Amino acid sequence: MKLKKIITFFAVAALLLGLIGCTPTIDGSSEEAFDTSYEEVMKEVPEKDKLRVKAAFAAFTAKKTLEATLEGTFSKDEIKKKVYAAMDGKTANDILKLTGQDEIKEEEK
């Protein structure tokens, strides 16, 4: 009986991890990785939401650029690194939430 519970637990955990892994995220490890992952994220965004998601990414980038500058970072490359690091692992919905917007509803995708 205990073995059945353990197997059920791991089956559910694997399913949840699989569902979480289906949503593309930003890879902020480099500019190239960011560009590639941004394209993948945008492929999953419904056409009607693309403009607001792009605007959210732009607003988030502007906010993080300003924060980096206020912290004394003036190098363009260093600012990019900070922006990419702040976006690393984020989904389109994460960026929308961070800019005060509503998430894309699952049934709309």
N, C-alpha and C. Protein backbone atom coordinates (compact mmCIF):
# COMPACT_ATOMS: atom_id res chain seq x y z
N MET A 1 0.83 -1.19 0.00
CA MET A 1 0.00 0.00 0.00
C MET A 1 0.87 1.26 0.00
N LYS A 2 1.92 1.24 0.81
CA LYS A 2 2.80 2.41 0.89
C LYS A 2 3.52 2.64 -0.44
N LEU A 3 3.91 1.57 -1.11
CA LEU A 3 4.58 1.68 -2.41
C LEU A 3 3.65 2.34 -3.43
N LYS A 4 2.39 2.02 -3.39
CA LYS A 4 1.41 2.60 -4.31
C LYS A 4 1.31 4.11 -4.10
N LYS A 5 1.34 4.56 -2.84
CA LYS A 5 1.28 5.99 -2.53
C LYS A 5 2.53 6.70 -3.05
N ILE A 6 3.67 6.07 -2.89
CA ILE A 6 4.93 6.67 -3.35
C ILE A 6 4.93 6.80 -4.87
N ILE A 7 4.49 5.75 -5.54
CA ILE A 7 4.43 5.78 -7.01
C ILE A 7 3.45 6.84 -7.47
N THR A 8 2.31 6.94 -6.82
CA THR A 8 1.31 7.96 -7.17
C THR A 8 1.88 9.36 -6.97
N PHE A 9 2.57 9.56 -5.85
CA PHE A 9 3.17 10.87 -5.58
C PHE A 9 4.14 11.27 -6.69
N PHE A 10 5.04 10.37 -7.07
CA PHE A 10 6.02 10.69 -8.09
C PHE A 10 5.38 10.86 -9.47
N ALA A 11 4.32 10.13 -9.74
CA ALA A 11 3.62 10.29 -11.01
C ALA A 11 2.98 11.67 -11.10
N VAL A 12 2.36 12.10 -10.01
CA VAL A 12 1.74 13.43 -9.98
C VAL A 12 2.82 14.51 -10.07
N ALA A 13 3.91 14.34 -9.35
CA ALA A 13 5.00 15.31 -9.40
C ALA A 13 5.58 15.43 -10.81
N ALA A 14 5.77 14.31 -11.48
CA ALA A 14 6.29 14.33 -12.85
C ALA A 14 5.31 15.02 -13.79
N LEU A 15 4.04 14.78 -13.60
CA LEU A 15 3.03 15.43 -14.44
C LEU A 15 3.05 16.94 -14.24
N LEU A 16 3.12 17.37 -12.98
CA LEU A 16 3.16 18.81 -12.70
C LEU A 16 4.42 19.46 -13.26
N LEU A 17 5.55 18.79 -13.12
CA LEU A 17 6.78 19.33 -13.68
C LEU A 17 6.70 19.41 -15.20
N GLY A 18 6.06 18.43 -15.82
CA GLY A 18 5.88 18.45 -17.26
C GLY A 18 5.01 19.61 -17.71
N LEU A 19 3.96 19.89 -16.95
CA LEU A 19 3.09 21.01 -17.29
C LEU A 19 3.79 22.35 -17.13
N ILE A 20 4.56 22.46 -16.07
CA ILE A 20 5.31 23.69 -15.83
C ILE A 20 6.34 23.89 -16.93
N GLY A 21 6.96 22.82 -17.37
CA GLY A 21 8.00 22.89 -18.38
C GLY A 21 7.48 23.23 -19.76
N CYS A 22 6.17 23.21 -19.97
CA CYS A 22 5.60 23.49 -21.28
C CYS A 22 5.59 24.97 -21.62
N THR A 23 5.65 25.81 -20.62
CA THR A 23 5.61 27.25 -20.85
C THR A 23 7.03 27.75 -21.07
N PRO A 24 7.30 28.32 -22.25
CA PRO A 24 8.66 28.80 -22.51
C PRO A 24 9.03 29.98 -21.59
N THR A 25 10.28 30.02 -21.21
CA THR A 25 10.78 31.09 -20.35
C THR A 25 11.98 31.77 -21.00
N ILE A 26 12.27 32.93 -20.49
CA ILE A 26 13.41 33.71 -20.97
C ILE A 26 14.71 33.12 -20.40
N ASP A 27 15.70 33.00 -21.26
CA ASP A 27 17.04 32.60 -20.85
C ASP A 27 17.90 33.86 -20.87
N GLY A 28 18.24 34.34 -19.71
CA GLY A 28 19.00 35.58 -19.61
C GLY A 28 20.50 35.40 -19.49
N SER A 29 21.01 34.24 -19.87
CA SER A 29 22.43 33.96 -19.70
C SER A 29 23.32 34.72 -20.67
N SER A 30 22.77 35.13 -21.81
CA SER A 30 23.53 35.91 -22.80
C SER A 30 22.56 36.61 -23.73
N GLU A 31 23.08 37.50 -24.53
CA GLU A 31 22.21 38.22 -25.47
C GLU A 31 21.62 37.26 -26.50
N GLU A 32 22.44 36.35 -26.98
CA GLU A 32 21.96 35.38 -27.97
C GLU A 32 20.89 34.47 -27.37
N ALA A 33 21.14 34.00 -26.16
CA ALA A 33 20.16 33.13 -25.48
C ALA A 33 18.87 33.89 -25.23
N PHE A 34 19.00 35.17 -24.85
CA PHE A 34 17.81 35.99 -24.63
C PHE A 34 17.01 36.11 -25.92
N ASP A 35 17.68 36.47 -27.00
CA ASP A 35 16.98 36.67 -28.28
C ASP A 35 16.24 35.40 -28.72
N THR A 36 16.92 34.27 -28.61
CA THR A 36 16.31 33.00 -29.01
C THR A 36 15.13 32.65 -28.12
N SER A 37 15.30 32.79 -26.82
CA SER A 37 14.21 32.43 -25.90
C SER A 37 13.05 33.42 -26.00
N TYR A 38 13.35 34.69 -26.27
CA TYR A 38 12.28 35.69 -26.46
C TYR A 38 11.41 35.30 -27.65
N GLU A 39 12.02 34.85 -28.73
CA GLU A 39 11.26 34.40 -29.90
C GLU A 39 10.36 33.22 -29.54
N GLU A 40 10.90 32.29 -28.75
CA GLU A 40 10.12 31.11 -28.34
C GLU A 40 8.94 31.53 -27.45
N VAL A 41 9.19 32.45 -26.53
CA VAL A 41 8.12 32.94 -25.66
C VAL A 41 7.03 33.60 -26.50
N MET A 42 7.45 34.43 -27.45
CA MET A 42 6.47 35.17 -28.25
C MET A 42 5.67 34.25 -29.18
N LYS A 43 6.23 33.11 -29.57
CA LYS A 43 5.48 32.15 -30.40
C LYS A 43 4.25 31.62 -29.67
N GLU A 44 4.33 31.55 -28.35
CA GLU A 44 3.25 31.01 -27.54
C GLU A 44 2.20 32.05 -27.16
N VAL A 45 2.48 33.31 -27.44
CA VAL A 45 1.55 34.39 -27.09
C VAL A 45 0.50 34.51 -28.18
N PRO A 46 -0.79 34.52 -27.80
CA PRO A 46 -1.84 34.69 -28.81
C PRO A 46 -1.66 36.01 -29.57
N GLU A 47 -2.00 35.99 -30.83
CA GLU A 47 -1.81 37.16 -31.69
C GLU A 47 -2.41 38.43 -31.07
N LYS A 48 -3.58 38.31 -30.49
CA LYS A 48 -4.25 39.50 -29.93
C LYS A 48 -3.53 40.07 -28.71
N ASP A 49 -2.63 39.31 -28.10
CA ASP A 49 -1.90 39.77 -26.92
C ASP A 49 -0.46 40.14 -27.20
N LYS A 50 0.01 39.92 -28.41
CA LYS A 50 1.43 40.14 -28.73
C LYS A 50 1.87 41.58 -28.47
N LEU A 51 1.07 42.55 -28.88
CA LEU A 51 1.47 43.94 -28.72
C LEU A 51 1.63 44.31 -27.25
N ARG A 52 0.69 43.88 -26.41
CA ARG A 52 0.80 44.25 -24.99
C ARG A 52 1.94 43.50 -24.31
N VAL A 53 2.25 42.28 -24.76
CA VAL A 53 3.39 41.56 -24.20
C VAL A 53 4.69 42.24 -24.62
N LYS A 54 4.79 42.64 -25.88
CA LYS A 54 5.98 43.36 -26.33
C LYS A 54 6.14 44.66 -25.55
N ALA A 55 5.04 45.37 -25.32
CA ALA A 55 5.08 46.62 -24.56
C ALA A 55 5.51 46.35 -23.11
N ALA A 56 5.04 45.24 -22.55
CA ALA A 56 5.43 44.88 -21.18
C ALA A 56 6.93 44.60 -21.10
N PHE A 57 7.46 43.87 -22.09
CA PHE A 57 8.91 43.62 -22.12
C PHE A 57 9.67 44.94 -22.23
N ALA A 58 9.19 45.85 -23.05
CA ALA A 58 9.85 47.15 -23.21
C ALA A 58 9.80 47.95 -21.91
N ALA A 59 8.65 47.94 -21.25
CA ALA A 59 8.50 48.68 -19.98
C ALA A 59 9.41 48.07 -18.90
N PHE A 60 9.46 46.74 -18.85
CA PHE A 60 10.31 46.07 -17.87
C PHE A 60 11.78 46.38 -18.13
N THR A 61 12.16 46.37 -19.40
CA THR A 61 13.53 46.69 -19.78
C THR A 61 13.88 48.12 -19.37
N ALA A 62 12.97 49.06 -19.64
CA ALA A 62 13.20 50.46 -19.28
C ALA A 62 13.34 50.62 -17.77
N LYS A 63 12.49 49.94 -17.02
CA LYS A 63 12.54 50.02 -15.56
C LYS A 63 13.87 49.49 -15.04
N LYS A 64 14.28 48.32 -15.52
CA LYS A 64 15.53 47.72 -15.05
C LYS A 64 16.75 48.53 -15.50
N THR A 65 16.67 49.14 -16.68
CA THR A 65 17.75 50.01 -17.15
C THR A 65 17.89 51.22 -16.25
N LEU A 66 16.77 51.82 -15.90
CA LEU A 66 16.79 52.97 -15.00
C LEU A 66 17.34 52.58 -13.63
N GLU A 67 16.89 51.45 -13.11
CA GLU A 67 17.38 50.98 -11.81
C GLU A 67 18.90 50.76 -11.84
N ALA A 68 19.39 50.14 -12.90
CA ALA A 68 20.83 49.89 -13.02
C ALA A 68 21.60 51.20 -13.08
N THR A 69 21.07 52.15 -13.82
CA THR A 69 21.72 53.46 -13.94
C THR A 69 21.74 54.18 -12.60
N LEU A 70 20.63 54.13 -11.89
CA LEU A 70 20.57 54.77 -10.58
C LEU A 70 21.51 54.12 -9.57
N GLU A 71 21.81 52.84 -9.78
CA GLU A 71 22.75 52.12 -8.92
C GLU A 71 24.20 52.41 -9.31
N GLY A 72 24.40 53.18 -10.40
CA GLY A 72 25.74 53.54 -10.82
C GLY A 72 26.32 52.71 -11.94
N THR A 73 25.49 51.92 -12.60
CA THR A 73 25.95 51.12 -13.74
C THR A 73 25.70 51.92 -15.01
N PHE A 74 26.78 52.27 -15.71
CA PHE A 74 26.62 53.08 -16.91
C PHE A 74 27.08 52.37 -18.18
N SER A 75 27.73 51.25 -18.03
CA SER A 75 28.18 50.47 -19.18
C SER A 75 26.98 49.80 -19.84
N LYS A 76 26.87 49.99 -21.14
CA LYS A 76 25.76 49.39 -21.89
C LYS A 76 25.72 47.88 -21.71
N ASP A 77 26.88 47.24 -21.78
CA ASP A 77 26.95 45.78 -21.63
C ASP A 77 26.55 45.34 -20.23
N GLU A 78 26.97 46.07 -19.22
CA GLU A 78 26.61 45.71 -17.85
C GLU A 78 25.11 45.91 -17.60
N ILE A 79 24.56 46.96 -18.17
CA ILE A 79 23.12 47.19 -18.03
C ILE A 79 22.35 46.05 -18.69
N LYS A 80 22.78 45.65 -19.91
CA LYS A 80 22.12 44.53 -20.59
C LYS A 80 22.17 43.28 -19.73
N LYS A 81 23.32 43.01 -19.14
CA LYS A 81 23.46 41.83 -18.30
C LYS A 81 22.46 41.86 -17.13
N LYS A 82 22.31 43.03 -16.54
CA LYS A 82 21.38 43.16 -15.42
C LYS A 82 19.93 42.98 -15.88
N VAL A 83 19.61 43.53 -17.03
CA VAL A 83 18.25 43.38 -17.57
C VAL A 83 17.98 41.91 -17.88
N TYR A 84 18.90 41.27 -18.57
CA TYR A 84 18.73 39.85 -18.91
C TYR A 84 18.62 38.99 -17.65
N ALA A 85 19.44 39.29 -16.66
CA ALA A 85 19.39 38.53 -15.40
C ALA A 85 18.04 38.70 -14.71
N ALA A 86 17.49 39.91 -14.77
CA ALA A 86 16.18 40.17 -14.14
C ALA A 86 15.06 39.42 -14.86
N MET A 87 15.22 39.16 -16.16
CA MET A 87 14.20 38.46 -16.93
C MET A 87 14.40 36.95 -16.95
N ASP A 88 15.57 36.50 -16.53
CA ASP A 88 15.91 35.08 -16.61
C ASP A 88 14.86 34.22 -15.90
N GLY A 89 14.35 33.22 -16.61
CA GLY A 89 13.37 32.30 -16.03
C GLY A 89 11.94 32.80 -16.05
N LYS A 90 11.71 33.99 -16.55
CA LYS A 90 10.37 34.58 -16.56
C LYS A 90 9.60 34.15 -17.81
N THR A 91 8.29 34.03 -17.64
CA THR A 91 7.39 33.77 -18.75
C THR A 91 6.77 35.08 -19.20
N ALA A 92 6.01 35.04 -20.30
CA ALA A 92 5.29 36.24 -20.75
C ALA A 92 4.35 36.72 -19.65
N ASN A 93 3.66 35.79 -19.00
CA ASN A 93 2.74 36.18 -17.92
C ASN A 93 3.48 36.79 -16.74
N ASP A 94 4.67 36.31 -16.44
CA ASP A 94 5.47 36.90 -15.36
C ASP A 94 5.78 38.36 -15.67
N ILE A 95 6.19 38.62 -16.90
CA ILE A 95 6.52 40.00 -17.30
C ILE A 95 5.27 40.87 -17.26
N LEU A 96 4.14 40.33 -17.71
CA LEU A 96 2.90 41.09 -17.64
C LEU A 96 2.57 41.45 -16.20
N LYS A 97 2.67 40.49 -15.30
CA LYS A 97 2.38 40.74 -13.88
C LYS A 97 3.33 41.78 -13.29
N LEU A 98 4.62 41.68 -13.65
CA LEU A 98 5.61 42.61 -13.12
C LEU A 98 5.42 44.04 -13.62
N THR A 99 4.67 44.18 -14.70
CA THR A 99 4.38 45.53 -15.22
C THR A 99 2.94 45.94 -14.93
N GLY A 100 2.30 45.22 -14.02
CA GLY A 100 0.97 45.61 -13.56
C GLY A 100 -0.17 45.28 -14.50
N GLN A 101 0.03 44.31 -15.38
CA GLN A 101 -1.01 43.95 -16.34
C GLN A 101 -1.60 42.59 -16.00
N ASP A 102 -2.77 42.34 -16.58
CA ASP A 102 -3.42 41.04 -16.40
C ASP A 102 -2.69 39.97 -17.22
N GLU A 103 -2.68 38.77 -16.67
CA GLU A 103 -2.08 37.64 -17.37
C GLU A 103 -2.91 37.25 -18.60
N ILE A 104 -2.28 36.53 -19.48
CA ILE A 104 -2.98 35.92 -20.61
C ILE A 104 -3.73 34.72 -20.04
N LYS A 105 -5.00 34.66 -20.28
CA LYS A 105 -5.79 33.54 -19.75
C LYS A 105 -5.54 32.32 -20.59
N GLU A 106 -5.43 31.17 -19.93
CA GLU A 106 -5.12 29.91 -20.59
C GLU A 106 -6.09 29.59 -21.74
N GLU A 107 -7.38 29.83 -21.51
CA GLU A 107 -8.35 29.49 -22.56
C GLU A 107 -8.23 30.39 -23.77
N GLU A 108 -7.49 31.49 -23.64
CA GLU A 108 -7.32 32.40 -24.77
C GLU A 108 -6.12 32.01 -25.64
N LYS A 109 -5.27 31.15 -25.16
CA LYS A 109 -4.05 30.81 -25.91
C LYS A 109 -4.36 30.03 -27.14
